[in-house]
Amino acid sequence: MITHSAHTLSVLIVEDREDVAQSTAELLALHGHTVRVARCGAEALEQTAGGAPDVVLVDIGLPDLDGWAVIRQIRARADDSQPVVVAVTGRCSERDRRASTDAGIDLHLVKPVEPQFLTNLLSRIGDNKSAYLALHTPLAHAAYRGRDQLAPGFDQEPGT
């Protein structure tokens, strides 16, 4: 059974593997979200030039810029509202996780990510979007980053 969040989110998937990008986009669209896909870092930057989406799901290993560089640039040019950024990557070392935090990534997930986990996470973001995104203004984001500092209500795994 598909459950929808109380709020539709705009989601940008930044993923160079066509099958992964397409299946993730279809899954999220089935859950009521508005989804765009970028196949490389330059395309992601182009798609966010007019404003950032609510959520960015970014792979780190992209063919041009790495996901960390993409997010740094998105964070630097975003105005009052910042996206929630989730790395969805095969990179799993502690060094990779620290690099994600340093780049402004809010949550670092290691592939493969269970579809239900991802949809539950987005549902929780959507249901608490204003409270969660309030932490991601440019000023707040500089002091409040990383997996261990998730917004209230995001400190437990989705679905628990």
Protein backbone atom coordinates (compact mmCIF):
# COMPACT_ATOMS: atom_id res chain seq x y z
CA MET A 1 0.00 0.00 0.00
CA ILE A 2 1.36 3.42 -0.96
CA THR A 3 1.00 6.14 1.62
CA HIS A 4 1.42 9.78 0.78
CA SER A 5 2.98 12.46 2.89
CA ALA A 6 0.72 15.30 3.93
CA HIS A 7 3.01 17.51 1.83
CA THR A 8 4.35 17.06 -1.66
CA LEU A 9 8.05 17.71 -1.91
CA SER A 10 10.08 18.81 -4.90
CA VAL A 11 12.96 16.36 -5.19
CA LEU A 12 16.07 16.49 -7.33
CA ILE A 13 17.80 13.14 -7.86
CA VAL A 14 21.44 13.54 -8.89
CA GLU A 15 22.50 10.11 -10.13
CA ASP A 16 24.52 9.06 -13.18
CA ARG A 17 23.24 5.48 -13.33
CA GLU A 18 20.15 5.55 -15.51
CA ASP A 19 18.44 2.53 -13.91
CA VAL A 20 18.91 3.84 -10.37
CA ALA A 21 17.80 7.36 -11.28
CA GLN A 22 14.71 6.17 -13.15
CA SER A 23 13.54 3.65 -10.54
CA THR A 24 14.01 6.15 -7.72
CA ALA A 25 12.18 8.85 -9.66
CA GLU A 26 9.26 6.50 -10.38
CA LEU A 27 9.06 5.41 -6.74
CA LEU A 28 8.99 8.97 -5.42
CA ALA A 29 6.49 10.11 -8.05
CA LEU A 30 4.19 7.25 -6.98
CA HIS A 31 4.35 8.72 -3.48
CA GLY A 32 3.18 12.09 -4.75
CA HIS A 33 6.46 13.96 -4.97
CA THR A 34 7.51 16.17 -7.88
CA VAL A 35 10.75 14.69 -9.17
CA ARG A 36 13.51 15.88 -11.50
CA VAL A 37 16.63 13.95 -12.42
CA ALA A 38 20.14 15.23 -13.16
CA ARG A 39 22.68 12.78 -14.57
CA CYS A 40 25.78 14.80 -13.61
CA GLY A 41 26.89 17.64 -11.38
CA ALA A 42 26.72 20.30 -14.09
CA GLU A 43 23.14 19.32 -14.90
CA ALA A 44 22.22 19.48 -11.19
CA LEU A 45 23.65 22.98 -10.94
CA GLU A 46 21.78 24.03 -14.06
CA GLN A 47 18.50 22.63 -12.71
CA THR A 48 18.92 24.44 -9.39
CA ALA A 49 19.98 27.78 -10.89
CA GLY A 50 16.46 29.17 -10.47
CA GLY A 51 16.10 27.87 -6.92
CA ALA A 52 16.72 24.76 -4.91
CA PRO A 53 14.15 21.97 -4.51
CA ASP A 54 12.92 20.85 -1.10
CA VAL A 55 15.15 17.76 -1.16
CA VAL A 56 18.27 16.79 -3.09
CA LEU A 57 19.25 13.10 -3.27
CA VAL A 58 22.84 13.11 -4.49
CA ASP A 59 25.27 10.39 -5.44
CA ILE A 60 28.85 11.29 -4.58
CA GLY A 61 30.58 9.54 -7.49
CA LEU A 62 29.43 11.56 -10.49
CA PRO A 63 31.20 11.71 -13.87
CA ASP A 64 32.13 15.41 -13.70
CA LEU A 65 31.92 17.13 -10.31
CA ASP A 66 31.65 14.96 -7.24
CA GLY A 67 28.47 15.21 -5.19
CA TRP A 68 30.25 17.14 -2.47
CA ALA A 69 31.24 19.92 -4.88
CA VAL A 70 27.71 20.04 -6.28
CA ILE A 71 26.18 20.48 -2.84
CA ARG A 72 28.70 23.12 -1.79
CA GLN A 73 27.71 25.16 -4.82
CA ILE A 74 23.98 24.66 -4.27
CA ARG A 75 24.34 25.64 -0.61
CA ALA A 76 26.43 28.72 -1.50
CA ARG A 77 23.91 30.16 -3.89
CA ALA A 78 20.65 29.19 -2.20
CA ASP A 79 18.76 32.16 -0.81
CA ASP A 80 16.58 32.00 2.30
CA SER A 81 15.62 28.34 2.07
CA GLN A 82 18.04 25.48 1.80
CA PRO A 83 17.17 22.01 0.57
CA VAL A 84 17.41 18.94 2.74
CA VAL A 85 20.35 17.09 1.20
CA VAL A 86 20.74 13.33 1.39
CA ALA A 87 23.77 11.54 -0.02
CA VAL A 88 22.81 8.18 -1.52
CA THR A 89 26.13 6.65 -2.36
CA GLY A 90 28.33 3.58 -2.35
CA ARG A 91 30.98 5.47 -0.40
CA CYS A 92 30.82 4.34 3.19
CA SER A 93 34.03 5.15 5.01
CA GLU A 94 34.14 7.48 7.98
CA ARG A 95 36.21 9.85 5.85
CA ASP A 96 33.41 9.89 3.25
CA ARG A 97 30.82 10.62 5.92
CA ARG A 98 32.90 13.49 7.29
CA ALA A 99 33.34 14.88 3.78
CA SER A 100 29.55 14.76 3.36
CA THR A 101 29.02 16.67 6.58
CA ASP A 102 31.69 19.19 5.62
CA ALA A 103 30.00 19.72 2.23
CA GLY A 104 26.65 20.49 3.87
CA ILE A 105 24.99 17.12 3.38
CA ASP A 106 22.40 16.44 6.07
CA LEU A 107 22.24 12.65 5.88
CA HIS A 108 24.67 10.15 4.37
CA LEU A 109 23.02 6.91 3.23
CA VAL A 110 24.91 3.96 1.78
CA LYS A 111 23.54 2.09 -1.23
CA PRO A 112 21.50 0.06 -1.55
CA VAL A 113 18.84 2.03 0.33
CA GLU A 114 15.60 0.20 0.98
CA PRO A 115 12.77 1.88 -0.96
CA GLN A 116 10.53 1.94 2.12
CA PHE A 117 13.26 3.65 4.14
CA LEU A 118 13.59 6.36 1.50
CA THR A 119 9.85 6.94 1.16
CA ASN A 120 9.42 7.03 4.95
CA LEU A 121 12.26 9.54 5.22
CA LEU A 122 10.69 11.84 2.64
CA SER A 123 7.31 11.47 4.31
CA ARG A 124 8.83 12.60 7.60
CA ILE A 125 10.57 15.52 5.92
CA GLY A 126 7.31 16.49 4.22
CA ASP A 127 5.28 16.22 7.40
CA ASN A 128 7.80 18.35 9.32
CA LYS A 129 9.12 20.40 6.42
CA SER A 130 8.77 23.87 7.91
CA ALA A 131 10.46 22.89 11.18
CA TYR A 132 13.18 20.93 9.44
CA LEU A 133 13.91 23.44 6.70
CA ALA A 134 13.97 26.30 9.22
CA LEU A 135 17.25 24.81 10.40
CA HIS A 136 18.66 25.13 6.91
CA THR A 137 18.86 28.84 6.38
CA PRO A 138 22.38 29.87 5.39
CA LEU A 139 23.17 31.07 8.92
CA ALA A 140 21.66 28.09 10.73
CA HIS A 141 23.15 25.59 8.34
CA ALA A 142 26.70 26.65 9.13
CA ALA A 143 26.20 25.65 12.76
CA TYR A 144 23.82 22.71 12.36
CA ARG A 145 24.95 19.93 10.07
CA GLY A 146 25.44 16.21 10.06
CA ARG A 147 23.73 12.91 10.72
CA ASP A 148 24.03 13.19 14.48
CA GLN A 149 22.36 16.60 14.53
CA LEU A 150 19.13 15.95 12.72
CA ALA A 151 16.16 18.18 13.40
CA PRO A 152 13.74 17.21 16.18
CA GLY A 153 11.70 14.26 15.04
CA PHE A 154 14.45 13.17 12.64
CA ASP A 155 16.68 11.61 15.26
CA GLN A 156 15.27 8.14 14.75
CA GLU A 157 15.29 5.96 11.69
CA PRO A 158 12.21 6.46 9.49
CA GLY A 159 9.53 3.92 10.17
CA THR A 160 10.49 3.46 13.84
